[in-house]
Amino acid sequence: MTEGHKLSETDRHESGASRGVTLTPIEIALEFIEAISNREFDRIPDFYDAEARIEDPGGAVFHGAVALQSHIENIYKAFPDLRHIVTRIVAAEDAAVVQGRMKGTQTGPIILPDASLPASGREVDVRFAFAIHIRNGKILHDDLYFDTAEMFGSAEA
């Protein structure tokens, strides 16, 4: 979370869409990052359209928030101290792009669609970006970008 973008304690547990509030793409992106950073994985479906398509840098495509929720939970099991530091956000009427760094220690196995990497105990510090397209206050498309060699290679012993 960036300075000046804090949510109230009351708002923290519900997304804007579930509160009946129309949020800007920047607000949606920041709320999403805050929810996963707080390990509130049960909130993930609140952010996504029923027809959502999410693609990660390894080429895995997730259809729907439930599939993405499971994937994110697996990443946080591998990196239980993972944190996101947002450095830049740009937005349009129905889209936002977020840039930042992910930092954490790989103390659990990384479960990938076609492989698994054992826990290494190594710290990672990886640049990331994600681009979201919003429809009716929910994320319809979410494309995540980071250097997989930097993330998974730096996590290997």
C-alpha atoms as a PDB file:
ATOM      1  CA  MET A   1       0.000   0.000   0.000  1.00  0.00           C
ATOM      2  CA  THR A   2       1.280   3.455  -0.769  1.00  0.00           C
ATOM      3  CA  GLU A   3       1.217   6.333   1.694  1.00  0.00           C
ATOM      4  CA  GLY A   4      -2.073   8.236   1.640  1.00  0.00           C
ATOM      5  CA  HIS A   5      -4.121   5.342   0.264  1.00  0.00           C
ATOM      6  CA  LYS A   6      -5.295   3.771   3.530  1.00  0.00           C
ATOM      7  CA  LEU A   7      -8.841   2.483   3.945  1.00  0.00           C
ATOM      8  CA  SER A   8     -10.832   2.946   7.111  1.00  0.00           C
ATOM      9  CA  GLU A   9     -11.079  -0.054   9.432  1.00  0.00           C
ATOM     10  CA  THR A  10     -14.778  -0.391   8.534  1.00  0.00           C
ATOM     11  CA  ASP A  11     -14.159  -0.373   4.775  1.00  0.00           C
ATOM     12  CA  ARG A  12     -11.193  -2.714   4.978  1.00  0.00           C
ATOM     13  CA  HIS A  13     -13.323  -5.872   5.169  1.00  0.00           C
ATOM     14  CA  GLU A  14     -15.575  -5.276   2.176  1.00  0.00           C
ATOM     15  CA  SER A  15     -14.742  -4.249  -1.373  1.00  0.00           C
ATOM     16  CA  GLY A  16     -16.352  -1.103  -2.708  1.00  0.00           C
ATOM     17  CA  ALA A  17     -18.569  -3.145  -5.024  1.00  0.00           C
ATOM     18  CA  SER A  18     -19.916  -5.220  -2.141  1.00  0.00           C
ATOM     19  CA  ARG A  19     -20.678  -1.968  -0.255  1.00  0.00           C
ATOM     20  CA  GLY A  20     -22.619  -0.625  -3.257  1.00  0.00           C
ATOM     21  CA  VAL A  21     -19.987   2.081  -3.842  1.00  0.00           C
ATOM     22  CA  THR A  22     -18.556   2.772  -7.279  1.00  0.00           C
ATOM     23  CA  LEU A  23     -14.788   2.844  -7.031  1.00  0.00           C
ATOM     24  CA  THR A  24     -12.252   4.163  -9.495  1.00  0.00           C
ATOM     25  CA  PRO A  25      -9.860   1.673 -11.118  1.00  0.00           C
ATOM     26  CA  ILE A  26      -7.093   2.993  -8.825  1.00  0.00           C
ATOM     27  CA  GLU A  27      -9.224   2.392  -5.740  1.00  0.00           C
ATOM     28  CA  ILE A  28     -10.117  -1.119  -6.925  1.00  0.00           C
ATOM     29  CA  ALA A  29      -6.439  -1.938  -7.523  1.00  0.00           C
ATOM     30  CA  LEU A  30      -5.364  -0.573  -4.137  1.00  0.00           C
ATOM     31  CA  GLU A  31      -8.174  -2.363  -2.289  1.00  0.00           C
ATOM     32  CA  PHE A  32      -7.222  -5.631  -4.010  1.00  0.00           C
ATOM     33  CA  ILE A  33      -3.545  -5.266  -3.052  1.00  0.00           C
ATOM     34  CA  GLU A  34      -4.511  -4.398   0.510  1.00  0.00           C
ATOM     35  CA  ALA A  35      -6.813  -7.445   0.754  1.00  0.00           C
ATOM     36  CA  ILE A  36      -4.168  -9.923  -0.411  1.00  0.00           C
ATOM     37  CA  SER A  37      -1.454  -8.215   1.627  1.00  0.00           C
ATOM     38  CA  ASN A  38      -3.658  -8.660   4.705  1.00  0.00           C
ATOM     39  CA  ARG A  39      -4.170 -12.327   3.726  1.00  0.00           C
ATOM     40  CA  GLU A  40      -7.914 -11.728   3.316  1.00  0.00           C
ATOM     41  CA  PHE A  41      -8.121 -14.277   0.502  1.00  0.00           C
ATOM     42  CA  ASP A  42     -11.851 -14.806   0.991  1.00  0.00           C
ATOM     43  CA  ARG A  43     -12.330 -11.241  -0.339  1.00  0.00           C
ATOM     44  CA  ILE A  44     -10.743 -12.027  -3.726  1.00  0.00           C
ATOM     45  CA  PRO A  45     -14.033 -13.045  -5.420  1.00  0.00           C
ATOM     46  CA  ASP A  46     -15.534  -9.646  -4.467  1.00  0.00           C
ATOM     47  CA  PHE A  47     -13.134  -7.914  -6.841  1.00  0.00           C
ATOM     48  CA  TYR A  48     -13.720 -10.007  -9.977  1.00  0.00           C
ATOM     49  CA  ASP A  49     -16.449 -10.158 -12.605  1.00  0.00           C
ATOM     50  CA  ALA A  50     -18.100 -13.584 -13.031  1.00  0.00           C
ATOM     51  CA  GLU A  51     -16.440 -13.828 -16.479  1.00  0.00           C
ATOM     52  CA  ALA A  52     -13.002 -12.715 -15.275  1.00  0.00           C
ATOM     53  CA  ARG A  53      -9.880 -13.917 -17.068  1.00  0.00           C
ATOM     54  CA  ILE A  54      -6.573 -13.679 -15.237  1.00  0.00           C
ATOM     55  CA  GLU A  55      -3.189 -14.432 -16.815  1.00  0.00           C
ATOM     56  CA  ASP A  56       0.086 -14.765 -14.950  1.00  0.00           C
ATOM     57  CA  PRO A  57       3.612 -14.452 -16.384  1.00  0.00           C
ATOM     58  CA  GLY A  58       4.148 -18.202 -16.527  1.00  0.00           C
ATOM     59  CA  GLY A  59       1.320 -18.421 -19.039  1.00  0.00           C
ATOM     60  CA  ALA A  60      -1.247 -19.864 -16.637  1.00  0.00           C
ATOM     61  CA  VAL A  61      -4.739 -18.568 -17.325  1.00  0.00           C
ATOM     62  CA  PHE A  62      -7.366 -18.557 -14.601  1.00  0.00           C
ATOM     63  CA  HIS A  63     -11.046 -18.251 -15.383  1.00  0.00           C
ATOM     64  CA  GLY A  64     -12.930 -16.826 -12.457  1.00  0.00           C
ATOM     65  CA  ALA A  65     -12.005 -15.532  -9.053  1.00  0.00           C
ATOM     66  CA  VAL A  66     -12.163 -18.882  -7.250  1.00  0.00           C
ATOM     67  CA  ALA A  67      -9.347 -20.320  -9.394  1.00  0.00           C
ATOM     68  CA  LEU A  68      -7.293 -17.166  -8.834  1.00  0.00           C
ATOM     69  CA  GLN A  69      -7.979 -17.258  -5.096  1.00  0.00           C
ATOM     70  CA  SER A  70      -6.495 -20.766  -4.863  1.00  0.00           C
ATOM     71  CA  HIS A  71      -3.424 -19.699  -6.868  1.00  0.00           C
ATOM     72  CA  ILE A  72      -2.818 -16.622  -4.685  1.00  0.00           C
ATOM     73  CA  GLU A  73      -3.201 -18.678  -1.509  1.00  0.00           C
ATOM     74  CA  ASN A  74      -0.536 -21.101  -2.830  1.00  0.00           C
ATOM     75  CA  ILE A  75       1.856 -18.218  -3.526  1.00  0.00           C
ATOM     76  CA  TYR A  76       1.395 -16.897   0.021  1.00  0.00           C
ATOM     77  CA  LYS A  77       1.999 -20.380   1.434  1.00  0.00           C
ATOM     78  CA  ALA A  78       5.348 -20.366  -0.388  1.00  0.00           C
ATOM     79  CA  PHE A  79       6.083 -16.755   0.641  1.00  0.00           C
ATOM     80  CA  PRO A  80       4.197 -16.194   3.924  1.00  0.00           C
ATOM     81  CA  ASP A  81       5.853 -12.810   4.482  1.00  0.00           C
ATOM     82  CA  LEU A  82       5.227 -11.599   0.894  1.00  0.00           C
ATOM     83  CA  ARG A  83       4.487  -7.916   0.659  1.00  0.00           C
ATOM     84  CA  HIS A  84       3.716  -5.584  -2.229  1.00  0.00           C
ATOM     85  CA  ILE A  85       5.199  -2.115  -2.447  1.00  0.00           C
ATOM     86  CA  VAL A  86       3.303  -0.002  -4.961  1.00  0.00           C
ATOM     87  CA  THR A  87       5.505   2.538  -6.742  1.00  0.00           C
ATOM     88  CA  ARG A  88       3.246   3.795  -9.539  1.00  0.00           C
ATOM     89  CA  ILE A  89      -0.355   3.619 -10.674  1.00  0.00           C
ATOM     90  CA  VAL A  90      -1.790   4.996 -13.889  1.00  0.00           C
ATOM     91  CA  ALA A  91      -5.443   4.733 -14.793  1.00  0.00           C
ATOM     92  CA  ALA A  92      -8.100   5.460 -17.350  1.00  0.00           C
ATOM     93  CA  GLU A  93     -11.869   5.351 -17.022  1.00  0.00           C
ATOM     94  CA  ASP A  94     -12.054   1.537 -17.053  1.00  0.00           C
ATOM     95  CA  ALA A  95      -8.462   0.376 -16.503  1.00  0.00           C
ATOM     96  CA  ALA A  96      -5.428   0.679 -14.260  1.00  0.00           C
ATOM     97  CA  VAL A  97      -1.799  -0.376 -14.384  1.00  0.00           C
ATOM     98  CA  VAL A  98       0.061  -0.866 -11.113  1.00  0.00           C
ATOM     99  CA  GLN A  99       3.829  -1.142 -10.790  1.00  0.00           C
ATOM    100  CA  GLY A 100       5.825  -2.070  -7.743  1.00  0.00           C
ATOM    101  CA  ARG A 101       7.971  -4.636  -5.975  1.00  0.00           C
ATOM    102  CA  MET A 102       7.133  -7.944  -4.317  1.00  0.00           C
ATOM    103  CA  LYS A 103       9.387  -8.881  -1.419  1.00  0.00           C
ATOM    104  CA  GLY A 104       9.370 -12.018   0.674  1.00  0.00           C
ATOM    105  CA  THR A 105      11.104 -15.209   1.766  1.00  0.00           C
ATOM    106  CA  GLN A 106      10.356 -18.537   0.132  1.00  0.00           C
ATOM    107  CA  THR A 107       9.843 -20.821   3.125  1.00  0.00           C
ATOM    108  CA  GLY A 108       7.361 -23.162   1.427  1.00  0.00           C
ATOM    109  CA  PRO A 109       7.199 -24.967  -1.923  1.00  0.00           C
ATOM    110  CA  ILE A 110       6.162 -22.996  -4.997  1.00  0.00           C
ATOM    111  CA  ILE A 111       3.359 -24.887  -6.719  1.00  0.00           C
ATOM    112  CA  LEU A 112       3.295 -24.152 -10.459  1.00  0.00           C
ATOM    113  CA  PRO A 113       0.896 -25.603 -13.048  1.00  0.00           C
ATOM    114  CA  ASP A 114       3.553 -27.988 -14.384  1.00  0.00           C
ATOM    115  CA  ALA A 115       6.141 -28.175 -11.579  1.00  0.00           C
ATOM    116  CA  SER A 116       6.925 -27.532  -7.951  1.00  0.00           C
ATOM    117  CA  LEU A 117       9.985 -25.838  -6.473  1.00  0.00           C
ATOM    118  CA  PRO A 118      11.020 -26.822  -2.939  1.00  0.00           C
ATOM    119  CA  ALA A 119      11.363 -24.240  -0.187  1.00  0.00           C
ATOM    120  CA  SER A 120      14.716 -22.470  -0.439  1.00  0.00           C
ATOM    121  CA  GLY A 121      14.698 -19.999   2.452  1.00  0.00           C
ATOM    122  CA  ARG A 122      15.913 -17.304   0.075  1.00  0.00           C
ATOM    123  CA  GLU A 123      14.613 -13.772  -0.009  1.00  0.00           C
ATOM    124  CA  VAL A 124      13.179 -12.386  -3.238  1.00  0.00           C
ATOM    125  CA  ASP A 125      12.771  -8.799  -4.354  1.00  0.00           C
ATOM    126  CA  VAL A 126      10.971  -8.741  -7.700  1.00  0.00           C
ATOM    127  CA  ARG A 127       9.548  -5.957  -9.829  1.00  0.00           C
ATOM    128  CA  PHE A 128       5.921  -6.507 -10.872  1.00  0.00           C
ATOM    129  CA  ALA A 129       3.163  -4.843 -12.843  1.00  0.00           C
ATOM    130  CA  PHE A 130      -0.428  -5.739 -13.419  1.00  0.00           C
ATOM    131  CA  ALA A 131      -2.981  -4.304 -15.770  1.00  0.00           C
ATOM    132  CA  ILE A 132      -6.673  -4.547 -14.977  1.00  0.00           C
ATOM    133  CA  HIS A 133      -9.721  -3.824 -17.114  1.00  0.00           C
ATOM    134  CA  ILE A 134     -12.853  -2.956 -15.151  1.00  0.00           C
ATOM    135  CA  ARG A 135     -16.461  -3.674 -16.094  1.00  0.00           C
ATOM    136  CA  ASN A 136     -19.325  -2.604 -13.821  1.00  0.00           C
ATOM    137  CA  GLY A 137     -16.968  -2.009 -10.894  1.00  0.00           C
ATOM    138  CA  LYS A 138     -15.324  -5.460 -11.089  1.00  0.00           C
ATOM    139  CA  ILE A 139     -12.092  -6.699 -12.651  1.00  0.00           C
ATOM    140  CA  LEU A 140     -12.840  -8.371 -15.993  1.00  0.00           C
ATOM    141  CA  HIS A 141      -9.232  -8.909 -17.173  1.00  0.00           C
ATOM    142  CA  ASP A 142      -6.122  -9.014 -15.013  1.00  0.00           C
ATOM    143  CA  ASP A 143      -2.711  -9.479 -16.578  1.00  0.00           C
ATOM    144  CA  LEU A 144       0.179  -9.880 -14.128  1.00  0.00           C
ATOM    145  CA  TYR A 145       3.767  -9.312 -15.219  1.00  0.00           C
ATOM    146  CA  PHE A 146       7.006 -10.121 -13.431  1.00  0.00           C
ATOM    147  CA  ASP A 147      10.281 -11.712 -14.413  1.00  0.00           C
ATOM    148  CA  THR A 148       9.750 -15.395 -13.629  1.00  0.00           C
ATOM    149  CA  ALA A 149      13.500 -16.060 -13.664  1.00  0.00           C
ATOM    150  CA  GLU A 150      13.955 -13.247 -11.173  1.00  0.00           C
ATOM    151  CA  MET A 151      11.124 -14.572  -8.959  1.00  0.00           C
ATOM    152  CA  PHE A 152      11.555 -18.323  -9.186  1.00  0.00           C
ATOM    153  CA  GLY A 153      15.240 -18.346 -10.089  1.00  0.00           C
ATOM    154  CA  SER A 154      16.116 -16.165  -7.125  1.00  0.00           C
ATOM    155  CA  ALA A 155      14.044 -18.471  -4.943  1.00  0.00           C
ATOM    156  CA  GLU A 156      16.003 -21.565  -5.980  1.00  0.00           C
ATOM    157  CA  ALA A 157      18.906 -22.581  -3.788  1.00  0.00           C
END
